[in-house]
C-alpha atoms as a PDB file:
ATOM      1  CA  UNK A   1       1.789 -10.517  17.327  1.00  0.00           C
ATOM      2  CA  UNK A   2       1.021  -6.935  18.146  1.00  0.00           C
ATOM      3  CA  UNK A   3      -1.384  -5.076  15.929  1.00  0.00           C
ATOM      4  CA  UNK A   4      -1.004  -1.280  15.922  1.00  0.00           C
ATOM      5  CA  UNK A   5      -4.165   0.666  15.067  1.00  0.00           C
ATOM      6  CA  UNK A   6      -3.351   4.142  13.937  1.00  0.00           C
ATOM      7  CA  UNK A   7      -4.861   7.098  12.033  1.00  0.00           C
ATOM      8  CA  UNK A   8      -4.164   8.616   8.671  1.00  0.00           C
ATOM      9  CA  UNK A   9      -2.860  12.147   9.298  1.00  0.00           C
ATOM     10  CA  UNK A  10      -2.177  13.250   5.714  1.00  0.00           C
ATOM     11  CA  UNK A  11      -2.747  11.997   2.125  1.00  0.00           C
ATOM     12  CA  UNK A  12      -0.338  13.222  -0.571  1.00  0.00           C
ATOM     13  CA  UNK A  13      -1.193  12.816  -4.271  1.00  0.00           C
ATOM     14  CA  UNK A  14       2.274  12.194  -5.638  1.00  0.00           C
ATOM     15  CA  UNK A  15       1.063  11.687  -9.229  1.00  0.00           C
ATOM     16  CA  UNK A  16      -2.431  11.092 -10.720  1.00  0.00           C
ATOM     17  CA  UNK A  17      -2.146   7.381  -9.800  1.00  0.00           C
ATOM     18  CA  UNK A  18       0.147   7.368  -6.800  1.00  0.00           C
ATOM     19  CA  UNK A  19      -0.682   8.377  -3.225  1.00  0.00           C
ATOM     20  CA  UNK A  20       1.273   8.449  -0.014  1.00  0.00           C
ATOM     21  CA  UNK A  21      -0.689   7.849   3.152  1.00  0.00           C
ATOM     22  CA  UNK A  22       1.036   9.290   6.250  1.00  0.00           C
ATOM     23  CA  UNK A  23       0.082   7.526   9.438  1.00  0.00           C
ATOM     24  CA  UNK A  24       0.525   8.572  13.085  1.00  0.00           C
ATOM     25  CA  UNK A  25       3.419   6.724  14.771  1.00  0.00           C
ATOM     26  CA  UNK A  26       1.973   4.422  17.480  1.00  0.00           C
ATOM     27  CA  UNK A  27       3.956   4.178  20.716  1.00  0.00           C
ATOM     28  CA  UNK A  28       6.477   1.370  20.463  1.00  0.00           C
ATOM     29  CA  UNK A  29       6.426   1.094  16.630  1.00  0.00           C
ATOM     30  CA  UNK A  30       9.969   1.341  15.348  1.00  0.00           C
ATOM     31  CA  UNK A  31      11.594   0.624  11.981  1.00  0.00           C
ATOM     32  CA  UNK A  32      14.747   1.195   9.905  1.00  0.00           C
ATOM     33  CA  UNK A  33      15.332   2.166   6.294  1.00  0.00           C
ATOM     34  CA  UNK A  34      14.132  -0.373   3.806  1.00  0.00           C
ATOM     35  CA  UNK A  35      11.458  -1.783   6.099  1.00  0.00           C
ATOM     36  CA  UNK A  36       8.119  -3.190   5.115  1.00  0.00           C
ATOM     37  CA  UNK A  37       4.987  -3.841   7.184  1.00  0.00           C
ATOM     38  CA  UNK A  38       1.605  -5.494   6.867  1.00  0.00           C
ATOM     39  CA  UNK A  39      -0.945  -2.745   6.196  1.00  0.00           C
ATOM     40  CA  UNK A  40      -4.559  -3.648   6.872  1.00  0.00           C
ATOM     41  CA  UNK A  41      -7.968  -2.024   6.597  1.00  0.00           C
ATOM     42  CA  UNK A  42     -10.820  -2.001   9.096  1.00  0.00           C
ATOM     43  CA  UNK A  43     -12.566  -5.341   9.327  1.00  0.00           C
ATOM     44  CA  UNK A  44      -9.575  -7.467   8.421  1.00  0.00           C
ATOM     45  CA  UNK A  45      -9.609  -9.322  11.777  1.00  0.00           C
ATOM     46  CA  UNK A  46     -13.309  -9.457  12.699  1.00  0.00           C
ATOM     47  CA  UNK A  47     -13.746 -13.107  11.728  1.00  0.00           C
ATOM     48  CA  UNK A  48     -11.958 -16.203  13.034  1.00  0.00           C
ATOM     49  CA  UNK A  49      -9.422 -15.976  10.237  1.00  0.00           C
ATOM     50  CA  UNK A  50      -7.879 -12.739   8.916  1.00  0.00           C
ATOM     51  CA  UNK A  51      -9.493 -11.405   5.741  1.00  0.00           C
ATOM     52  CA  UNK A  52      -6.448 -11.449   3.518  1.00  0.00           C
ATOM     53  CA  UNK A  53      -8.124  -9.349   0.850  1.00  0.00           C
ATOM     54  CA  UNK A  54      -7.941  -6.469   3.329  1.00  0.00           C
ATOM     55  CA  UNK A  55      -4.190  -6.868   4.018  1.00  0.00           C
ATOM     56  CA  UNK A  56      -1.203  -5.863   1.904  1.00  0.00           C
ATOM     57  CA  UNK A  57       2.536  -6.124   2.321  1.00  0.00           C
ATOM     58  CA  UNK A  58       3.828  -2.553   1.948  1.00  0.00           C
ATOM     59  CA  UNK A  59       7.148  -0.793   2.086  1.00  0.00           C
ATOM     60  CA  UNK A  60       7.511   2.130   4.514  1.00  0.00           C
ATOM     61  CA  UNK A  61       8.597   5.176   2.500  1.00  0.00           C
ATOM     62  CA  UNK A  62       9.616   7.353   5.463  1.00  0.00           C
ATOM     63  CA  UNK A  63      12.180   7.321   8.266  1.00  0.00           C
ATOM     64  CA  UNK A  64      11.257   7.473  11.943  1.00  0.00           C
ATOM     65  CA  UNK A  65      12.694  10.974  12.238  1.00  0.00           C
ATOM     66  CA  UNK A  66       9.949  12.185   9.851  1.00  0.00           C
ATOM     67  CA  UNK A  67       7.425  11.356  12.618  1.00  0.00           C
ATOM     68  CA  UNK A  68       4.992   9.634  10.245  1.00  0.00           C
ATOM     69  CA  UNK A  69       4.735   6.174   8.734  1.00  0.00           C
ATOM     70  CA  UNK A  70       4.575   6.593   4.987  1.00  0.00           C
ATOM     71  CA  UNK A  71       2.745   4.079   2.773  1.00  0.00           C
ATOM     72  CA  UNK A  72       3.147   4.932  -0.905  1.00  0.00           C
ATOM     73  CA  UNK A  73       1.072   2.968  -3.478  1.00  0.00           C
ATOM     74  CA  UNK A  74      -0.292   3.115  -6.992  1.00  0.00           C
ATOM     75  CA  UNK A  75      -4.110   3.103  -7.291  1.00  0.00           C
ATOM     76  CA  UNK A  76      -5.317   2.654 -10.873  1.00  0.00           C
ATOM     77  CA  UNK A  77      -8.838   3.269 -12.119  1.00  0.00           C
ATOM     78  CA  UNK A  78      -9.425  -0.461 -12.301  1.00  0.00           C
ATOM     79  CA  UNK A  79      -8.135  -1.843  -9.034  1.00  0.00           C
ATOM     80  CA  UNK A  80      -8.563  -4.476  -6.334  1.00  0.00           C
ATOM     81  CA  UNK A  81     -11.074  -4.307  -3.523  1.00  0.00           C
ATOM     82  CA  UNK A  82      -8.261  -3.326  -1.153  1.00  0.00           C
ATOM     83  CA  UNK A  83      -7.153  -0.380  -3.321  1.00  0.00           C
ATOM     84  CA  UNK A  84     -10.807   0.700  -3.941  1.00  0.00           C
ATOM     85  CA  UNK A  85     -11.408   0.932  -0.192  1.00  0.00           C
ATOM     86  CA  UNK A  86      -8.063   2.652   0.359  1.00  0.00           C
ATOM     87  CA  UNK A  87      -8.814   5.251  -2.325  1.00  0.00           C
ATOM     88  CA  UNK A  88     -11.925   6.348  -0.364  1.00  0.00           C
ATOM     89  CA  UNK A  89     -10.253   6.630   2.993  1.00  0.00           C
ATOM     90  CA  UNK A  90      -9.797  10.108   4.501  1.00  0.00           C
ATOM     91  CA  UNK A  91      -7.661  11.848   7.096  1.00  0.00           C
ATOM     92  CA  UNK A  92      -8.640  10.513  10.543  1.00  0.00           C
ATOM     93  CA  UNK A  93      -9.624   7.022   9.341  1.00  0.00           C
ATOM     94  CA  UNK A  94      -8.057   4.140  11.108  1.00  0.00           C
ATOM     95  CA  UNK A  95      -5.812   1.472   9.602  1.00  0.00           C
ATOM     96  CA  UNK A  96      -3.737  -1.343  11.142  1.00  0.00           C
ATOM     97  CA  UNK A  97       0.010  -2.118  10.837  1.00  0.00           C
ATOM     98  CA  UNK A  98       1.856  -5.144  12.105  1.00  0.00           C
ATOM     99  CA  UNK A  99       4.911  -7.309  11.477  1.00  0.00           C
ATOM    100  CA  UNK A 100       7.782  -5.021  10.630  1.00  0.00           C
ATOM    101  CA  UNK A 101      10.979  -6.259   8.925  1.00  0.00           C
ATOM    102  CA  UNK A 102      13.747  -4.978   6.652  1.00  0.00           C
ATOM    103  CA  UNK A 103      15.404  -7.026   3.979  1.00  0.00           C
ATOM    104  CA  UNK A 104      17.132  -4.043   2.357  1.00  0.00           C
ATOM    105  CA  UNK A 105      18.879  -1.830   4.911  1.00  0.00           C
ATOM    106  CA  UNK A 106      21.703   0.292   3.565  1.00  0.00           C
ATOM    107  CA  UNK A 107      24.867  -1.827   3.606  1.00  0.00           C
ATOM    108  CA  UNK A 108      28.010  -0.018   4.693  1.00  0.00           C
ATOM    109  CA  UNK A 109      30.816  -2.042   3.141  1.00  0.00           C
ATOM    110  CA  UNK A 110      32.852   0.714   1.522  1.00  0.00           C
ATOM    111  CA  UNK A 111      31.368  -0.029  -1.867  1.00  0.00           C
ATOM    112  CA  UNK A 112      29.310   1.733  -4.510  1.00  0.00           C
ATOM    113  CA  UNK A 113      25.573   1.071  -4.080  1.00  0.00           C
ATOM    114  CA  UNK A 114      23.145   0.901  -7.014  1.00  0.00           C
ATOM    115  CA  UNK A 115      19.357   1.186  -6.421  1.00  0.00           C
ATOM    116  CA  UNK A 116      17.418  -0.354  -9.338  1.00  0.00           C
ATOM    117  CA  UNK A 117      13.635   0.100  -9.229  1.00  0.00           C
ATOM    118  CA  UNK A 118      10.437   0.101 -11.254  1.00  0.00           C
ATOM    119  CA  UNK A 119       7.614   2.623 -10.733  1.00  0.00           C
ATOM    120  CA  UNK A 120       6.390   2.920  -7.208  1.00  0.00           C
ATOM    121  CA  UNK A 121       9.122   0.513  -6.066  1.00  0.00           C
ATOM    122  CA  UNK A 122      11.133   3.682  -5.678  1.00  0.00           C
ATOM    123  CA  UNK A 123       9.269   4.235  -2.357  1.00  0.00           C
ATOM    124  CA  UNK A 124      11.312   1.450  -0.808  1.00  0.00           C
ATOM    125  CA  UNK A 125      14.483   3.338  -1.656  1.00  0.00           C
ATOM    126  CA  UNK A 126      13.379   6.779  -0.496  1.00  0.00           C
ATOM    127  CA  UNK A 127      14.421   6.140   3.167  1.00  0.00           C
ATOM    128  CA  UNK A 128      17.751   4.594   2.092  1.00  0.00           C
ATOM    129  CA  UNK A 129      18.636   7.822   0.196  1.00  0.00           C
ATOM    130  CA  UNK A 130      17.560   9.989   3.098  1.00  0.00           C
ATOM    131  CA  UNK A 131      19.633   7.826   5.522  1.00  0.00           C
ATOM    132  CA  UNK A 132      22.613   8.092   3.170  1.00  0.00           C
ATOM    133  CA  UNK A 133      22.299  11.916   3.048  1.00  0.00           C
ATOM    134  CA  UNK A 134      22.248  11.958   6.828  1.00  0.00           C
ATOM    135  CA  UNK A 135      25.132   9.517   7.239  1.00  0.00           C
ATOM    136  CA  UNK A 136      27.237   8.460   4.301  1.00  0.00           C
ATOM    137  CA  UNK A 137      29.912   6.607   6.223  1.00  0.00           C
ATOM    138  CA  UNK A 138      31.263   3.434   4.531  1.00  0.00           C
ATOM    139  CA  UNK A 139      29.206   3.928   1.374  1.00  0.00           C
ATOM    140  CA  UNK A 140      31.427   5.090  -1.501  1.00  0.00           C
ATOM    141  CA  UNK A 141      28.611   6.545  -3.557  1.00  0.00           C
ATOM    142  CA  UNK A 142      24.906   5.988  -4.235  1.00  0.00           C
ATOM    143  CA  UNK A 143      23.223   5.706  -7.651  1.00  0.00           C
ATOM    144  CA  UNK A 144      19.491   5.342  -8.333  1.00  0.00           C
ATOM    145  CA  UNK A 145      18.012   4.107 -11.594  1.00  0.00           C
ATOM    146  CA  UNK A 146      14.207   4.088 -11.959  1.00  0.00           C
ATOM    147  CA  UNK A 147      11.991   3.082 -14.854  1.00  0.00           C
ATOM    148  CA  UNK A 148       8.444   4.379 -15.045  1.00  0.00           C
ATOM    149  CA  UNK A 149       6.544   4.240 -18.342  1.00  0.00           C
ATOM    150  CA  UNK A 150       3.958   6.737 -17.064  1.00  0.00           C
ATOM    151  CA  UNK A 151       6.729   9.403 -17.051  1.00  0.00           C
ATOM    152  CA  UNK A 152       5.202  10.630 -13.748  1.00  0.00           C
ATOM    153  CA  UNK A 153       8.396  10.128 -11.792  1.00  0.00           C
ATOM    154  CA  UNK A 154       8.245   9.973  -8.017  1.00  0.00           C
ATOM    155  CA  UNK A 155      10.094  11.941  -5.286  1.00  0.00           C
ATOM    156  CA  UNK A 156      11.996  14.067  -7.751  1.00  0.00           C
ATOM    157  CA  UNK A 157      12.807  16.501  -4.906  1.00  0.00           C
ATOM    158  CA  UNK A 158      14.881  13.808  -3.268  1.00  0.00           C
ATOM    159  CA  UNK A 159      15.930  11.719  -6.300  1.00  0.00           C
ATOM    160  CA  UNK A 160      17.950  14.570  -7.792  1.00  0.00           C
ATOM    161  CA  UNK A 161      21.613  14.147  -8.512  1.00  0.00           C
ATOM    162  CA  UNK A 162      23.793  15.787  -5.927  1.00  0.00           C
ATOM    163  CA  UNK A 163      27.497  15.440  -6.887  1.00  0.00           C
ATOM    164  CA  UNK A 164      28.670  16.995  -3.652  1.00  0.00           C
ATOM    165  CA  UNK A 165      26.970  14.147  -1.812  1.00  0.00           C
ATOM    166  CA  UNK A 166      28.167  11.520  -4.297  1.00  0.00           C
ATOM    167  CA  UNK A 167      24.574  10.752  -5.261  1.00  0.00           C
ATOM    168  CA  UNK A 168      23.273  10.326  -8.818  1.00  0.00           C
ATOM    169  CA  UNK A 169      19.741   9.730  -9.909  1.00  0.00           C
ATOM    170  CA  UNK A 170      18.375   8.661 -13.321  1.00  0.00           C
ATOM    171  CA  UNK A 171      14.824   8.189 -14.547  1.00  0.00           C
ATOM    172  CA  UNK A 172      13.956   6.454 -17.816  1.00  0.00           C
ATOM    173  CA  UNK A 173      10.580   5.677 -19.391  1.00  0.00           C
ATOM    174  CA  UNK A 174      11.432   2.612 -21.551  1.00  0.00           C
ATOM    175  CA  UNK A 175      12.903  -0.827 -21.051  1.00  0.00           C
ATOM    176  CA  UNK A 176      15.585  -0.547 -23.737  1.00  0.00           C
ATOM    177  CA  UNK A 177      17.221   2.504 -22.086  1.00  0.00           C
ATOM    178  CA  UNK A 178      16.761   1.050 -18.619  1.00  0.00           C
ATOM    179  CA  UNK A 179      18.543  -2.276 -19.318  1.00  0.00           C
ATOM    180  CA  UNK A 180      21.294  -0.644 -21.303  1.00  0.00           C
ATOM    181  CA  UNK A 181      21.997   1.500 -18.248  1.00  0.00           C
ATOM    182  CA  UNK A 182      21.906  -1.542 -15.972  1.00  0.00           C
ATOM    183  CA  UNK A 183      24.581  -3.130 -18.124  1.00  0.00           C
ATOM    184  CA  UNK A 184      26.707  -0.016 -17.862  1.00  0.00           C
ATOM    185  CA  UNK A 185      26.323   0.093 -14.023  1.00  0.00           C
ATOM    186  CA  UNK A 186      27.273  -3.618 -13.874  1.00  0.00           C
ATOM    187  CA  UNK A 187      30.681  -2.536 -15.187  1.00  0.00           C
ATOM    188  CA  UNK A 188      31.402  -1.987 -11.466  1.00  0.00           C
ATOM    189  CA  UNK A 189      32.284  -5.621 -10.580  1.00  0.00           C
ATOM    190  CA  UNK A 190      32.553  -4.807  -6.886  1.00  0.00           C
ATOM    191  CA  UNK A 191      29.263  -2.841  -6.468  1.00  0.00           C
ATOM    192  CA  UNK A 192      26.120  -3.724  -4.504  1.00  0.00           C
ATOM    193  CA  UNK A 193      22.909  -3.870  -6.563  1.00  0.00           C
ATOM    194  CA  UNK A 194      19.526  -3.454  -4.817  1.00  0.00           C
ATOM    195  CA  UNK A 195      16.506  -4.392  -6.963  1.00  0.00           C
ATOM    196  CA  UNK A 196      12.887  -3.580  -6.136  1.00  0.00           C
ATOM    197  CA  UNK A 197       9.868  -4.179  -8.357  1.00  0.00           C
ATOM    198  CA  UNK A 198       7.583  -6.995  -9.616  1.00  0.00           C
ATOM    199  CA  UNK A 199       8.829 -10.594  -9.619  1.00  0.00           C
ATOM    200  CA  UNK A 200       9.221 -10.433 -13.423  1.00  0.00           C
ATOM    201  CA  UNK A 201      11.276  -7.248 -12.999  1.00  0.00           C
ATOM    202  CA  UNK A 202      13.510  -8.918 -10.454  1.00  0.00           C
ATOM    203  CA  UNK A 203      14.097 -11.962 -12.675  1.00  0.00           C
ATOM    204  CA  UNK A 204      15.082  -9.844 -15.661  1.00  0.00           C
ATOM    205  CA  UNK A 205      17.407  -7.595 -13.664  1.00  0.00           C
ATOM    206  CA  UNK A 206      19.086 -10.624 -12.058  1.00  0.00           C
ATOM    207  CA  UNK A 207      19.602 -12.168 -15.500  1.00  0.00           C
ATOM    208  CA  UNK A 208      21.194  -8.991 -16.839  1.00  0.00           C
ATOM    209  CA  UNK A 209      23.449  -8.497 -13.797  1.00  0.00           C
ATOM    210  CA  UNK A 210      24.533 -12.102 -13.714  1.00  0.00           C
ATOM    211  CA  UNK A 211      25.325 -12.044 -17.421  1.00  0.00           C
ATOM    212  CA  UNK A 212      27.566  -9.062 -16.707  1.00  0.00           C
ATOM    213  CA  UNK A 213      29.454 -11.025 -14.101  1.00  0.00           C
ATOM    214  CA  UNK A 214      27.751  -9.733 -10.916  1.00  0.00           C
ATOM    215  CA  UNK A 215      27.710 -12.424  -8.234  1.00  0.00           C
ATOM    216  CA  UNK A 216      24.500 -13.409  -6.342  1.00  0.00           C
ATOM    217  CA  UNK A 217      25.939 -12.100  -3.063  1.00  0.00           C
ATOM    218  CA  UNK A 218      26.187  -8.603  -4.625  1.00  0.00           C
ATOM    219  CA  UNK A 219      22.416  -8.542  -5.377  1.00  0.00           C
ATOM    220  CA  UNK A 220      20.053  -7.362  -2.684  1.00  0.00           C
ATOM    221  CA  UNK A 221      16.335  -8.107  -2.968  1.00  0.00           C
ATOM    222  CA  UNK A 222      13.388  -7.104  -0.819  1.00  0.00           C
ATOM    223  CA  UNK A 223      12.592 -10.761  -0.145  1.00  0.00           C
ATOM    224  CA  UNK A 224      12.999 -13.113   2.794  1.00  0.00           C
ATOM    225  CA  UNK A 225      16.123 -15.280   2.572  1.00  0.00           C
ATOM    226  CA  UNK A 226      14.298 -18.375   1.221  1.00  0.00           C
ATOM    227  CA  UNK A 227      12.608 -16.365  -1.551  1.00  0.00           C
ATOM    228  CA  UNK A 228      15.818 -14.481  -2.276  1.00  0.00           C
ATOM    229  CA  UNK A 229      17.740 -17.771  -2.687  1.00  0.00           C
ATOM    230  CA  UNK A 230      15.110 -19.026  -5.147  1.00  0.00           C
ATOM    231  CA  UNK A 231      15.419 -15.956  -7.313  1.00  0.00           C
ATOM    232  CA  UNK A 232      19.161 -15.934  -7.264  1.00  0.00           C
ATOM    233  CA  UNK A 233      19.480 -19.631  -8.057  1.00  0.00           C
ATOM    234  CA  UNK A 234      17.502 -19.349 -11.338  1.00  0.00           C
ATOM    235  CA  UNK A 235      19.597 -20.402 -14.313  1.00  0.00           C
ATOM    236  CA  UNK A 236      20.970 -17.598 -16.476  1.00  0.00           C
END
């Protein structure tokens, strides 16, 4: 396993609780839209066994052509040791990244694609939208629906409806409106539904989609196949 040590080159305060850390791209580090990586802090590998409290599984919120690896995360006032250390890092500090994989690349099957997310989960979808803007072949249209009770919605410069590009974006701040809209979107019985958020969020979305007649193979989760199968086999 190759560990890439790299430096923070920029820190963006997206909202009062959300930051994006932009990292230098190490030579040989490549990824595609929808990728995640292991993101680790200094000291994680100084002992015989990795210190898992200093490692997190993070989505990459940028594309390679942006020339930076973006890690977008929420850091609350009361947070874990990992987030507390991360909050105090500065430009020039080193972090490690390793094990890159994508469970949610943009599928090009001549269907409508729906991106369903909660809060900072939208960071996973940012590269998919940018990739779609760059190359929309074999995607009929793209629709994003995000729920964030903080009302501090992310990436509003990108997640802005663009009818000429067949892209629509919706933000809601409550569960009732969110799930009503999911039911409406599930009226498309041939669409592809990507879901990113907490495990509880995934379960509830899968229940709603399945109840509306959406088949498991139409639901895309940011999970390895074994985990994905468990979520999609839950009774409805």
